[in-house]
Amino acid sequence: MSQTKDWRERWQQSAELLERKTGAGVKEWNRRVVDTGIGTESELKKWLKEQGVTGFAQTLLVRERFGYPEYTTASADELVEGQYAGKESLRPIYDRLIAVAADVGEVTLQVRKSYVSLMTPKRKFAVVKASTKTRVDLGMRIEDVEPHGRLESAQVMRDESSTVRIPLTSESDVDDEVADWLAKAYQANS
């Protein structure tokens, strides 16, 4: 079983965080921001920090004031299409990995501009990224497992949560061994 989160869920989570931390919602904060007369992102970020608004809540208000980048309002499907534009031969690898991931447990896909995070109910356990025109990397968080065999260092992925990765160049590379490692990563992070 898997579900996919898109920008609307992230916006809602950030809005709830803002209200929980400050006692005021997005509409009220948007009014406060306009009332300041601040005209640049850096000035707004500084002012919001002084008001105790940081992180995702701050990003939300900056985007509310200065606009949302196109990728932040794209659907999950549009983002995945963008990841595999010009790399269409790799899309079956992604599709197969997502199908395998759906069998390991309750998985949520968080689609970003350049990668897809696979989440347990607790945290990220894997990342799928079309790293090159000929390779998809499956990064996984499995503590105390050193690179060996098909498992390589995840350092090239620049994903701080992944400890190992498996490079995949064809759909047939997504075999029982990959499914086993994905299940182990899921269990280790549940």
Protein backbone atom coordinates (compact mmCIF):
# COMPACT_ATOMS: atom_id res chain seq x y z
CA MET A 1 0.00 0.00 0.00
CA SER A 2 1.38 3.40 -0.87
CA GLN A 3 0.16 6.95 -1.12
CA THR A 4 1.64 10.01 -2.73
CA LYS A 5 1.87 13.44 -1.14
CA ASP A 6 1.96 16.54 -3.28
CA TRP A 7 2.42 20.25 -2.67
CA ARG A 8 -1.06 20.71 -1.19
CA GLU A 9 -0.25 18.41 1.74
CA ARG A 10 3.11 20.12 2.28
CA TRP A 11 1.41 23.54 2.20
CA GLN A 12 -1.18 22.38 4.72
CA GLN A 13 1.46 20.91 7.03
CA SER A 14 3.46 24.16 6.91
CA ALA A 15 0.33 26.22 7.56
CA GLU A 16 -0.58 24.06 10.56
CA LEU A 17 2.97 24.35 11.87
CA LEU A 18 2.85 28.14 11.55
CA GLU A 19 -0.41 28.39 13.47
CA ARG A 20 0.73 25.91 16.12
CA LYS A 21 3.99 27.81 16.73
CA THR A 22 2.62 31.35 16.58
CA GLY A 23 -1.09 31.18 17.28
CA ALA A 24 -1.86 32.97 13.98
CA GLY A 25 -2.72 31.47 10.61
CA VAL A 26 -1.46 32.15 7.10
CA LYS A 27 -4.09 34.83 6.37
CA GLU A 28 -3.13 36.82 9.47
CA TRP A 29 0.59 36.44 8.78
CA ASN A 30 0.13 37.52 5.16
CA ARG A 31 -1.56 40.69 6.47
CA ARG A 32 1.31 41.31 8.90
CA VAL A 33 3.88 40.82 6.12
CA VAL A 34 2.12 43.30 3.82
CA ASP A 35 1.89 45.81 6.69
CA THR A 36 5.68 45.76 7.14
CA GLY A 37 6.26 47.09 3.62
CA ILE A 38 9.25 44.75 3.28
CA GLY A 39 10.29 44.42 -0.36
CA THR A 40 12.95 41.70 -0.52
CA GLU A 41 13.10 38.04 0.43
CA SER A 42 16.20 38.50 2.58
CA GLU A 43 14.60 41.33 4.56
CA LEU A 44 11.43 39.28 5.02
CA LYS A 45 13.36 36.24 6.21
CA LYS A 46 15.23 38.37 8.72
CA TRP A 47 12.01 39.95 9.99
CA LEU A 48 10.23 36.59 10.23
CA LYS A 49 13.14 35.12 12.17
CA GLU A 50 12.90 38.04 14.59
CA GLN A 51 9.21 37.12 15.01
CA GLY A 52 10.17 33.50 15.78
CA VAL A 53 9.05 32.15 12.40
CA THR A 54 11.67 29.82 10.93
CA GLY A 55 11.96 26.67 8.82
CA PHE A 56 8.99 25.45 6.78
CA ALA A 57 6.67 28.10 8.23
CA GLN A 58 9.06 30.84 7.13
CA THR A 59 9.43 29.33 3.66
CA LEU A 60 5.64 29.24 3.35
CA LEU A 61 5.28 32.94 4.16
CA VAL A 62 8.13 33.97 1.87
CA ARG A 63 6.48 32.07 -0.98
CA GLU A 64 3.10 33.53 -0.12
CA ARG A 65 4.64 37.01 -0.48
CA PHE A 66 7.01 36.55 -3.42
CA GLY A 67 5.45 33.62 -5.29
CA TYR A 68 5.83 29.89 -5.50
CA PRO A 69 8.45 28.28 -7.75
CA GLU A 70 6.71 26.22 -10.44
CA TYR A 71 8.02 22.93 -9.07
CA THR A 72 6.38 23.57 -5.69
CA THR A 73 2.90 23.63 -7.20
CA ALA A 74 3.36 20.81 -9.69
CA SER A 75 1.53 17.54 -9.12
CA ALA A 76 3.46 14.46 -8.10
CA ASP A 77 2.94 13.02 -11.59
CA GLU A 78 4.27 16.20 -13.22
CA LEU A 79 7.37 16.12 -11.00
CA VAL A 80 8.10 12.47 -11.82
CA GLU A 81 7.60 13.19 -15.54
CA GLY A 82 10.13 16.02 -15.18
CA GLN A 83 12.64 13.74 -13.44
CA TYR A 84 12.56 11.31 -16.36
CA ALA A 85 12.33 13.84 -19.21
CA GLY A 86 15.20 12.96 -21.54
CA LYS A 87 15.73 9.76 -19.53
CA GLU A 88 12.57 7.93 -20.61
CA SER A 89 14.37 4.58 -20.80
CA LEU A 90 14.84 4.78 -17.01
CA ARG A 91 11.15 5.27 -16.17
CA PRO A 92 10.39 1.50 -16.08
CA ILE A 93 13.05 1.16 -13.36
CA TYR A 94 11.28 3.80 -11.27
CA ASP A 95 7.86 2.23 -11.87
CA ARG A 96 9.15 -1.21 -10.86
CA LEU A 97 10.81 0.14 -7.69
CA ILE A 98 7.59 1.86 -6.63
CA ALA A 99 5.62 -1.35 -7.23
CA VAL A 100 8.11 -3.32 -5.12
CA ALA A 101 8.05 -0.66 -2.39
CA ALA A 102 4.26 -0.90 -2.19
CA ASP A 103 4.69 -4.52 -1.08
CA VAL A 104 6.99 -3.82 1.87
CA GLY A 105 4.46 -1.99 4.04
CA GLU A 106 2.69 1.33 4.47
CA VAL A 107 4.76 3.54 2.18
CA THR A 108 4.20 7.21 1.42
CA LEU A 109 5.90 8.75 -1.61
CA GLN A 110 7.10 12.32 -1.21
CA VAL A 111 7.88 13.53 -4.70
CA ARG A 112 10.38 16.34 -5.04
CA LYS A 113 11.81 18.10 -8.09
CA SER A 114 14.74 15.71 -8.58
CA TYR A 115 14.00 12.62 -6.47
CA VAL A 116 11.30 10.64 -4.68
CA SER A 117 11.50 9.85 -0.96
CA LEU A 118 9.94 6.64 0.30
CA MET A 119 8.60 7.08 3.80
CA THR A 120 7.54 4.67 6.54
CA PRO A 121 4.97 6.07 8.97
CA LYS A 122 8.01 7.23 11.00
CA ARG A 123 10.62 8.49 8.52
CA LYS A 124 12.39 8.26 5.17
CA PHE A 125 13.80 4.82 4.45
CA ALA A 126 14.75 5.13 0.78
CA VAL A 127 15.26 7.55 -2.10
CA VAL A 128 14.80 6.93 -5.83
CA LYS A 129 16.75 9.26 -8.08
CA ALA A 130 17.51 9.27 -11.81
CA SER A 131 21.12 10.24 -11.13
CA THR A 132 22.37 10.08 -14.72
CA LYS A 133 20.89 9.47 -18.18
CA THR A 134 21.72 5.79 -17.79
CA ARG A 135 21.26 5.06 -14.06
CA VAL A 136 18.67 5.23 -11.32
CA ASP A 137 20.04 5.10 -7.79
CA LEU A 138 18.11 3.50 -4.96
CA GLY A 139 19.47 5.01 -1.77
CA MET A 140 18.51 3.33 1.51
CA ARG A 141 18.88 4.07 5.19
CA ILE A 142 20.21 0.89 6.78
CA GLU A 143 22.42 1.58 9.78
CA ASP A 144 25.39 -0.72 10.45
CA VAL A 145 25.48 -2.07 6.89
CA GLU A 146 28.65 -1.31 4.99
CA PRO A 147 28.85 -1.21 1.19
CA HIS A 148 29.43 -4.69 -0.19
CA GLY A 149 28.30 -6.70 -3.19
CA ARG A 150 25.69 -4.60 -5.02
CA LEU A 151 25.49 -2.15 -2.13
CA GLU A 152 27.63 0.91 -2.82
CA SER A 153 28.33 4.08 -0.91
CA ALA A 154 25.40 6.50 -1.00
CA GLN A 155 27.73 9.51 -0.84
CA VAL A 156 27.28 10.34 -4.55
CA MET A 157 23.53 10.82 -3.99
CA ARG A 158 24.05 13.73 -1.60
CA ASP A 159 21.17 12.46 0.53
CA GLU A 160 22.12 12.65 4.17
CA SER A 161 19.71 9.90 5.23
CA SER A 162 20.89 7.24 2.78
CA THR A 163 23.70 5.04 4.03
CA VAL A 164 23.98 2.73 0.98
CA ARG A 165 22.73 2.66 -2.60
CA ILE A 166 22.14 0.22 -5.39
CA PRO A 167 22.74 1.56 -8.91
CA LEU A 168 20.15 0.30 -11.41
CA THR A 169 20.47 0.49 -15.18
CA SER A 170 17.57 -1.70 -16.31
CA GLU A 171 14.19 -2.84 -15.05
CA SER A 172 15.57 -6.38 -14.63
CA ASP A 173 18.05 -4.99 -12.06
CA VAL A 174 15.05 -4.57 -9.72
CA ASP A 175 15.17 -8.20 -8.64
CA ASP A 176 14.53 -10.20 -5.47
CA GLU A 177 17.77 -8.97 -3.90
CA VAL A 178 16.70 -5.34 -4.37
CA ALA A 179 13.27 -6.18 -2.94
CA ASP A 180 14.93 -7.81 0.09
CA TRP A 181 17.15 -4.77 0.74
CA LEU A 182 14.16 -2.44 0.36
CA ALA A 183 12.20 -4.53 2.89
CA LYS A 184 15.17 -4.46 5.29
CA ALA A 185 15.40 -0.67 4.97
CA TYR A 186 11.66 -0.36 5.60
CA GLN A 187 11.84 -2.54 8.71
CA ALA A 188 14.90 -0.71 10.04
CA ASN A 189 13.03 2.59 9.86
CA SER A 190 9.58 1.54 11.07
